[in-house]
Amino acid sequence: MSKSIFYHAGCPVCISAEQDIVDLIGKSQVEIVHLGEAKNRIDEAEKAGVKSVPALLTPNGNVLHLNFGASMADVKG
């Protein structure tokens, strides 16, 4: 994986964190995944270690949980 992946659920906390991440590392260096719109990627996020969103998966596989917005159980509905 060469890019970071930013997982979020579309809440105000997530949207704010998304903008900060893009400003910090650059849009070309991060893939944005809205799990409310891409539910098929929830399993992928959980397998990577995402426990809550917003979260950033770094290229070396570390998951950085940011400013709690929603648990993965909440995202699943």
PDB file of N, CA and C in Angstrom:
ATOM      1  N   MET A   1       0.857  -1.170   0.000  1.00  0.00           N
ATOM      2  CA  MET A   1       0.000   0.000   0.000  1.00  0.00           C
ATOM      3  C   MET A   1       0.902   1.231   0.000  1.00  0.00           C
ATOM      4  N   SER A   2       0.700   2.103  -0.954  1.00  0.00           N
ATOM      5  CA  SER A   2       1.542   3.286  -1.032  1.00  0.00           C
ATOM      6  C   SER A   2       0.859   4.542  -0.504  1.00  0.00           C
ATOM      7  N   LYS A   3      -0.452   4.511  -0.418  1.00  0.00           N
ATOM      8  CA  LYS A   3      -1.218   5.642   0.094  1.00  0.00           C
ATOM      9  C   LYS A   3      -1.786   5.305   1.463  1.00  0.00           C
ATOM     10  N   SER A   4      -2.080   6.337   2.223  1.00  0.00           N
ATOM     11  CA  SER A   4      -2.870   6.157   3.439  1.00  0.00           C
ATOM     12  C   SER A   4      -4.330   6.024   3.017  1.00  0.00           C
ATOM     13  N   ILE A   5      -5.141   5.408   3.872  1.00  0.00           N
ATOM     14  CA  ILE A   5      -6.578   5.321   3.636  1.00  0.00           C
ATOM     15  C   ILE A   5      -7.275   5.953   4.828  1.00  0.00           C
ATOM     16  N   PHE A   6      -8.125   6.931   4.559  1.00  0.00           N
ATOM     17  CA  PHE A   6      -8.888   7.597   5.600  1.00  0.00           C
ATOM     18  C   PHE A   6     -10.315   7.079   5.543  1.00  0.00           C
ATOM     19  N   TYR A   7     -10.716   6.355   6.598  1.00  0.00           N
ATOM     20  CA  TYR A   7     -12.068   5.814   6.693  1.00  0.00           C
ATOM     21  C   TYR A   7     -12.913   6.748   7.549  1.00  0.00           C
ATOM     22  N   HIS A   8     -14.140   7.021   7.068  1.00  0.00           N
ATOM     23  CA  HIS A   8     -15.041   7.836   7.869  1.00  0.00           C
ATOM     24  C   HIS A   8     -16.482   7.478   7.561  1.00  0.00           C
ATOM     25  N   ALA A   9     -17.411   8.089   8.312  1.00  0.00           N
ATOM     26  CA  ALA A   9     -18.832   7.773   8.168  1.00  0.00           C
ATOM     27  C   ALA A   9     -19.672   8.979   7.768  1.00  0.00           C
ATOM     28  N   GLY A  10     -19.034  10.097   7.491  1.00  0.00           N
ATOM     29  CA  GLY A  10     -19.770  11.250   7.003  1.00  0.00           C
ATOM     30  C   GLY A  10     -20.303  12.206   8.053  1.00  0.00           C
ATOM     31  N   CYS A  11     -20.052  11.928   9.313  1.00  0.00           N
ATOM     32  CA  CYS A  11     -20.526  12.822  10.374  1.00  0.00           C
ATOM     33  C   CYS A  11     -19.671  14.097  10.394  1.00  0.00           C
ATOM     34  N   PRO A  12     -20.125  15.142  11.077  1.00  0.00           N
ATOM     35  CA  PRO A  12     -19.347  16.384  11.123  1.00  0.00           C
ATOM     36  C   PRO A  12     -17.918  16.199  11.649  1.00  0.00           C
ATOM     37  N   VAL A  13     -17.729  15.344  12.643  1.00  0.00           N
ATOM     38  CA  VAL A  13     -16.390  15.071  13.175  1.00  0.00           C
ATOM     39  C   VAL A  13     -15.521  14.472  12.073  1.00  0.00           C
ATOM     40  N   CYS A  14     -16.081  13.530  11.327  1.00  0.00           N
ATOM     41  CA  CYS A  14     -15.336  12.864  10.259  1.00  0.00           C
ATOM     42  C   CYS A  14     -14.983  13.822   9.121  1.00  0.00           C
ATOM     43  N   ILE A  15     -15.928  14.642   8.733  1.00  0.00           N
ATOM     44  CA  ILE A  15     -15.694  15.581   7.633  1.00  0.00           C
ATOM     45  C   ILE A  15     -14.601  16.579   8.008  1.00  0.00           C
ATOM     46  N   SER A  16     -14.635  17.065   9.235  1.00  0.00           N
ATOM     47  CA  SER A  16     -13.607  17.987   9.710  1.00  0.00           C
ATOM     48  C   SER A  16     -12.240  17.312   9.718  1.00  0.00           C
ATOM     49  N   ALA A  17     -12.190  16.075  10.219  1.00  0.00           N
ATOM     50  CA  ALA A  17     -10.929  15.337  10.260  1.00  0.00           C
ATOM     51  C   ALA A  17     -10.430  15.045   8.842  1.00  0.00           C
ATOM     52  N   GLU A  18     -11.340  14.742   7.923  1.00  0.00           N
ATOM     53  CA  GLU A  18     -10.949  14.492   6.531  1.00  0.00           C
ATOM     54  C   GLU A  18     -10.231  15.706   5.942  1.00  0.00           C
ATOM     55  N   GLN A  19     -10.799  16.871   6.147  1.00  0.00           N
ATOM     56  CA  GLN A  19     -10.179  18.087   5.608  1.00  0.00           C
ATOM     57  C   GLN A  19      -8.795  18.311   6.211  1.00  0.00           C
ATOM     58  N   ASP A  20      -8.667  18.085   7.516  1.00  0.00           N
ATOM     59  CA  ASP A  20      -7.364  18.245   8.164  1.00  0.00           C
ATOM     60  C   ASP A  20      -6.344  17.255   7.621  1.00  0.00           C
ATOM     61  N   ILE A  21      -6.743  16.013   7.428  1.00  0.00           N
ATOM     62  CA  ILE A  21      -5.836  14.988   6.899  1.00  0.00           C
ATOM     63  C   ILE A  21      -5.389  15.360   5.487  1.00  0.00           C
ATOM     64  N   VAL A  22      -6.331  15.761   4.646  1.00  0.00           N
ATOM     65  CA  VAL A  22      -5.985  16.159   3.275  1.00  0.00           C
ATOM     66  C   VAL A  22      -5.032  17.345   3.300  1.00  0.00           C
ATOM     67  N   ASP A  23      -5.297  18.324   4.170  1.00  0.00           N
ATOM     68  CA  ASP A  23      -4.411  19.487   4.275  1.00  0.00           C
ATOM     69  C   ASP A  23      -3.014  19.091   4.753  1.00  0.00           C
ATOM     70  N   LEU A  24      -2.938  18.120   5.662  1.00  0.00           N
ATOM     71  CA  LEU A  24      -1.649  17.711   6.232  1.00  0.00           C
ATOM     72  C   LEU A  24      -0.808  16.865   5.282  1.00  0.00           C
ATOM     73  N   ILE A  25      -1.425  15.864   4.657  1.00  0.00           N
ATOM     74  CA  ILE A  25      -0.609  14.931   3.877  1.00  0.00           C
ATOM     75  C   ILE A  25      -0.822  15.027   2.372  1.00  0.00           C
ATOM     76  N   GLY A  26      -1.834  15.768   1.953  1.00  0.00           N
ATOM     77  CA  GLY A  26      -2.067  15.958   0.523  1.00  0.00           C
ATOM     78  C   GLY A  26      -3.056  14.974  -0.056  1.00  0.00           C
ATOM     79  N   LYS A  27      -3.940  15.477  -0.895  1.00  0.00           N
ATOM     80  CA  LYS A  27      -5.003  14.669  -1.486  1.00  0.00           C
ATOM     81  C   LYS A  27      -4.470  13.481  -2.288  1.00  0.00           C
ATOM     82  N   SER A  28      -3.312  13.654  -2.913  1.00  0.00           N
ATOM     83  CA  SER A  28      -2.753  12.570  -3.726  1.00  0.00           C
ATOM     84  C   SER A  28      -2.153  11.448  -2.883  1.00  0.00           C
ATOM     85  N   GLN A  29      -2.002  11.683  -1.582  1.00  0.00           N
ATOM     86  CA  GLN A  29      -1.381  10.698  -0.694  1.00  0.00           C
ATOM     87  C   GLN A  29      -2.381   9.944   0.173  1.00  0.00           C
ATOM     88  N   VAL A  30      -3.676  10.249   0.003  1.00  0.00           N
ATOM     89  CA  VAL A  30      -4.681   9.597   0.845  1.00  0.00           C
ATOM     90  C   VAL A  30      -5.916   9.243   0.026  1.00  0.00           C
ATOM     91  N   GLU A  31      -6.395   8.019   0.236  1.00  0.00           N
ATOM     92  CA  GLU A  31      -7.660   7.579  -0.351  1.00  0.00           C
ATOM     93  C   GLU A  31      -8.739   7.813   0.701  1.00  0.00           C
ATOM     94  N   ILE A  32      -9.812   8.476   0.330  1.00  0.00           N
ATOM     95  CA  ILE A  32     -10.915   8.747   1.245  1.00  0.00           C
ATOM     96  C   ILE A  32     -11.990   7.682   1.031  1.00  0.00           C
ATOM     97  N   VAL A  33     -12.389   7.010   2.120  1.00  0.00           N
ATOM     98  CA  VAL A  33     -13.425   5.979   2.039  1.00  0.00           C
ATOM     99  C   VAL A  33     -14.538   6.337   3.020  1.00  0.00           C
ATOM    100  N   HIS A  34     -15.702   6.689   2.477  1.00  0.00           N
ATOM    101  CA  HIS A  34     -16.899   6.992   3.270  1.00  0.00           C
ATOM    102  C   HIS A  34     -17.626   5.662   3.462  1.00  0.00           C
ATOM    103  N   LEU A  35     -17.544   5.102   4.648  1.00  0.00           N
ATOM    104  CA  LEU A  35     -18.094   3.771   4.894  1.00  0.00           C
ATOM    105  C   LEU A  35     -19.618   3.739   4.856  1.00  0.00           C
ATOM    106  N   GLY A  36     -20.262   4.886   5.014  1.00  0.00           N
ATOM    107  CA  GLY A  36     -21.710   4.938   4.865  1.00  0.00           C
ATOM    108  C   GLY A  36     -22.131   4.755   3.413  1.00  0.00           C
ATOM    109  N   GLU A  37     -21.267   5.165   2.496  1.00  0.00           N
ATOM    110  CA  GLU A  37     -21.536   5.040   1.069  1.00  0.00           C
ATOM    111  C   GLU A  37     -20.871   3.815   0.452  1.00  0.00           C
ATOM    112  N   ALA A  38     -19.826   3.308   1.082  1.00  0.00           N
ATOM    113  CA  ALA A  38     -19.084   2.145   0.577  1.00  0.00           C
ATOM    114  C   ALA A  38     -19.105   1.035   1.628  1.00  0.00           C
ATOM    115  N   LYS A  39     -20.311   0.573   1.943  1.00  0.00           N
ATOM    116  CA  LYS A  39     -20.451  -0.449   2.990  1.00  0.00           C
ATOM    117  C   LYS A  39     -19.678  -1.722   2.668  1.00  0.00           C
ATOM    118  N   ASN A  40     -19.399  -1.960   1.401  1.00  0.00           N
ATOM    119  CA  ASN A  40     -18.629  -3.138   1.001  1.00  0.00           C
ATOM    120  C   ASN A  40     -17.183  -3.061   1.485  1.00  0.00           C
ATOM    121  N   ARG A  41     -16.759  -1.907   1.997  1.00  0.00           N
ATOM    122  CA  ARG A  41     -15.382  -1.747   2.479  1.00  0.00           C
ATOM    123  C   ARG A  41     -15.277  -1.840   4.002  1.00  0.00           C
ATOM    124  N   ILE A  42     -16.411  -2.045   4.687  1.00  0.00           N
ATOM    125  CA  ILE A  42     -16.401  -2.140   6.147  1.00  0.00           C
ATOM    126  C   ILE A  42     -15.541  -3.313   6.606  1.00  0.00           C
ATOM    127  N   ASP A  43     -15.704  -4.470   5.998  1.00  0.00           N
ATOM    128  CA  ASP A  43     -14.928  -5.657   6.372  1.00  0.00           C
ATOM    129  C   ASP A  43     -13.432  -5.395   6.204  1.00  0.00           C
ATOM    130  N   GLU A  44     -13.064  -4.765   5.109  1.00  0.00           N
ATOM    131  CA  GLU A  44     -11.664  -4.400   4.843  1.00  0.00           C
ATOM    132  C   GLU A  44     -11.117  -3.521   5.966  1.00  0.00           C
ATOM    133  N   ALA A  45     -11.904  -2.518   6.365  1.00  0.00           N
ATOM    134  CA  ALA A  45     -11.474  -1.600   7.422  1.00  0.00           C
ATOM    135  C   ALA A  45     -11.293  -2.347   8.742  1.00  0.00           C
ATOM    136  N   GLU A  46     -12.250  -3.200   9.079  1.00  0.00           N
ATOM    137  CA  GLU A  46     -12.150  -3.961  10.327  1.00  0.00           C
ATOM    138  C   GLU A  46     -10.951  -4.905  10.304  1.00  0.00           C
ATOM    139  N   LYS A  47     -10.703  -5.565   9.201  1.00  0.00           N
ATOM    140  CA  LYS A  47      -9.550  -6.461   9.101  1.00  0.00           C
ATOM    141  C   LYS A  47      -8.236  -5.702   9.260  1.00  0.00           C
ATOM    142  N   ALA A  48      -8.226  -4.436   8.852  1.00  0.00           N
ATOM    143  CA  ALA A  48      -7.028  -3.602   8.992  1.00  0.00           C
ATOM    144  C   ALA A  48      -6.841  -3.113  10.423  1.00  0.00           C
ATOM    145  N   GLY A  49      -7.884  -3.266  11.268  1.00  0.00           N
ATOM    146  CA  GLY A  49      -7.781  -2.850  12.661  1.00  0.00           C
ATOM    147  C   GLY A  49      -8.574  -1.613  13.038  1.00  0.00           C
ATOM    148  N   VAL A  50      -9.404  -1.123  12.125  1.00  0.00           N
ATOM    149  CA  VAL A  50     -10.219   0.057  12.424  1.00  0.00           C
ATOM    150  C   VAL A  50     -11.304  -0.330  13.419  1.00  0.00           C
ATOM    151  N   LYS A  51     -11.343   0.381  14.547  1.00  0.00           N
ATOM    152  CA  LYS A  51     -12.325   0.126  15.610  1.00  0.00           C
ATOM    153  C   LYS A  51     -13.385   1.210  15.668  1.00  0.00           C
ATOM    154  N   SER A  52     -13.041   2.402  15.181  1.00  0.00           N
ATOM    155  CA  SER A  52     -13.965   3.526  15.157  1.00  0.00           C
ATOM    156  C   SER A  52     -13.526   4.460  14.034  1.00  0.00           C
ATOM    157  N   VAL A  53     -14.430   5.322  13.643  1.00  0.00           N
ATOM    158  CA  VAL A  53     -14.099   6.313  12.620  1.00  0.00           C
ATOM    159  C   VAL A  53     -14.293   7.707  13.205  1.00  0.00           C
ATOM    160  N   PRO A  54     -13.554   8.660  12.738  1.00  0.00           N
ATOM    161  CA  PRO A  54     -12.593   8.612  11.652  1.00  0.00           C
ATOM    162  C   PRO A  54     -11.304   7.897  12.050  1.00  0.00           C
ATOM    163  N   ALA A  55     -10.692   7.250  11.066  1.00  0.00           N
ATOM    164  CA  ALA A  55      -9.433   6.544  11.289  1.00  0.00           C
ATOM    165  C   ALA A  55      -8.584   6.614  10.027  1.00  0.00           C
ATOM    166  N   LEU A  56      -7.289   6.675  10.235  1.00  0.00           N
ATOM    167  CA  LEU A  56      -6.345   6.723   9.128  1.00  0.00           C
ATOM    168  C   LEU A  56      -5.483   5.474   9.163  1.00  0.00           C
ATOM    169  N   LEU A  57      -5.495   4.716   8.078  1.00  0.00           N
ATOM    170  CA  LEU A  57      -4.629   3.553   7.917  1.00  0.00           C
ATOM    171  C   LEU A  57      -3.401   4.022   7.159  1.00  0.00           C
ATOM    172  N   THR A  58      -2.242   3.930   7.798  1.00  0.00           N
ATOM    173  CA  THR A  58      -1.006   4.402   7.176  1.00  0.00           C
ATOM    174  C   THR A  58      -0.471   3.359   6.204  1.00  0.00           C
ATOM    175  N   PRO A  59       0.417   3.766   5.295  1.00  0.00           N
ATOM    176  CA  PRO A  59       0.972   2.816   4.327  1.00  0.00           C
ATOM    177  C   PRO A  59       1.674   1.615   4.965  1.00  0.00           C
ATOM    178  N   ASN A  60       2.182   1.766   6.180  1.00  0.00           N
ATOM    179  CA  ASN A  60       2.852   0.620   6.815  1.00  0.00           C
ATOM    180  C   ASN A  60       1.907  -0.190   7.698  1.00  0.00           C
ATOM    181  N   GLY A  61       0.602   0.082   7.634  1.00  0.00           N
ATOM    182  CA  GLY A  61      -0.392  -0.750   8.309  1.00  0.00           C
ATOM    183  C   GLY A  61      -0.824  -0.304   9.682  1.00  0.00           C
ATOM    184  N   ASN A  62      -0.337   0.827  10.161  1.00  0.00           N
ATOM    185  CA  ASN A  62      -0.790   1.343  11.454  1.00  0.00           C
ATOM    186  C   ASN A  62      -2.134   2.040  11.295  1.00  0.00           C
ATOM    187  N   VAL A  63      -3.021   1.842  12.274  1.00  0.00           N
ATOM    188  CA  VAL A  63      -4.317   2.518  12.272  1.00  0.00           C
ATOM    189  C   VAL A  63      -4.272   3.616  13.324  1.00  0.00           C
ATOM    190  N   LEU A  64      -4.529   4.839  12.874  1.00  0.00           N
ATOM    191  CA  LEU A  64      -4.574   5.994  13.763  1.00  0.00           C
ATOM    192  C   LEU A  64      -6.037   6.381  13.938  1.00  0.00           C
ATOM    193  N   HIS A  65      -6.572   6.143  15.144  1.00  0.00           N
ATOM    194  CA  HIS A  65      -7.951   6.508  15.433  1.00  0.00           C
ATOM    195  C   HIS A  65      -7.982   7.968  15.856  1.00  0.00           C
ATOM    196  N   LEU A  66      -8.829   8.742  15.191  1.00  0.00           N
ATOM    197  CA  LEU A  66      -8.877  10.181  15.378  1.00  0.00           C
ATOM    198  C   LEU A  66     -10.198  10.605  16.006  1.00  0.00           C
ATOM    199  N   ASN A  67     -10.145  11.461  16.961  1.00  0.00           N
ATOM    200  CA  ASN A  67     -11.310  12.215  17.421  1.00  0.00           C
ATOM    201  C   ASN A  67     -12.618  11.434  17.258  1.00  0.00           C
ATOM    202  N   PHE A  68     -12.884  10.479  18.126  1.00  0.00           N
ATOM    203  CA  PHE A  68     -13.996   9.527  18.012  1.00  0.00           C
ATOM    204  C   PHE A  68     -15.275  10.142  17.453  1.00  0.00           C
ATOM    205  N   GLY A  69     -15.766   9.555  16.368  1.00  0.00           N
ATOM    206  CA  GLY A  69     -17.028   9.975  15.766  1.00  0.00           C
ATOM    207  C   GLY A  69     -18.073   8.895  15.856  1.00  0.00           C
ATOM    208  N   ALA A  70     -17.696   7.634  15.541  1.00  0.00           N
ATOM    209  CA  ALA A  70     -18.641   6.520  15.582  1.00  0.00           C
ATOM    210  C   ALA A  70     -17.881   5.208  15.663  1.00  0.00           C
ATOM    211  N   SER A  71     -18.459   4.244  16.385  1.00  0.00           N
ATOM    212  CA  SER A  71     -17.862   2.912  16.439  1.00  0.00           C
ATOM    213  C   SER A  71     -18.189   2.182  15.137  1.00  0.00           C
ATOM    214  N   MET A  72     -17.480   1.127  14.854  1.00  0.00           N
ATOM    215  CA  MET A  72     -17.763   0.335  13.654  1.00  0.00           C
ATOM    216  C   MET A  72     -19.159  -0.299  13.763  1.00  0.00           C
ATOM    217  N   ALA A  73     -19.601  -0.629  14.979  1.00  0.00           N
ATOM    218  CA  ALA A  73     -20.957  -1.164  15.162  1.00  0.00           C
ATOM    219  C   ALA A  73     -21.989  -0.130  14.721  1.00  0.00           C
ATOM    220  N   ASP A  74     -21.741   1.142  15.042  1.00  0.00           N
ATOM    221  CA  ASP A  74     -22.645   2.209  14.608  1.00  0.00           C
ATOM    222  C   ASP A  74     -22.637   2.340  13.089  1.00  0.00           C
ATOM    223  N   VAL A  75     -21.470   2.205  12.487  1.00  0.00           N
ATOM    224  CA  VAL A  75     -21.342   2.335  11.034  1.00  0.00           C
ATOM    225  C   VAL A  75     -22.111   1.200  10.338  1.00  0.00           C
ATOM    226  N   LYS A  76     -22.036   0.009  10.912  1.00  0.00           N
ATOM    227  CA  LYS A  76     -22.724  -1.140  10.317  1.00  0.00           C
ATOM    228  C   LYS A  76     -24.237  -0.982  10.383  1.00  0.00           C
ATOM    229  N   GLY A  77     -24.700  -0.228  11.393  1.00  0.00           N
ATOM    230  CA  GLY A  77     -26.144   0.008  11.518  1.00  0.00           C
ATOM    231  C   GLY A  77     -26.780  -1.031  12.304  1.00  0.00           C
TER     232      GLY A  77
END
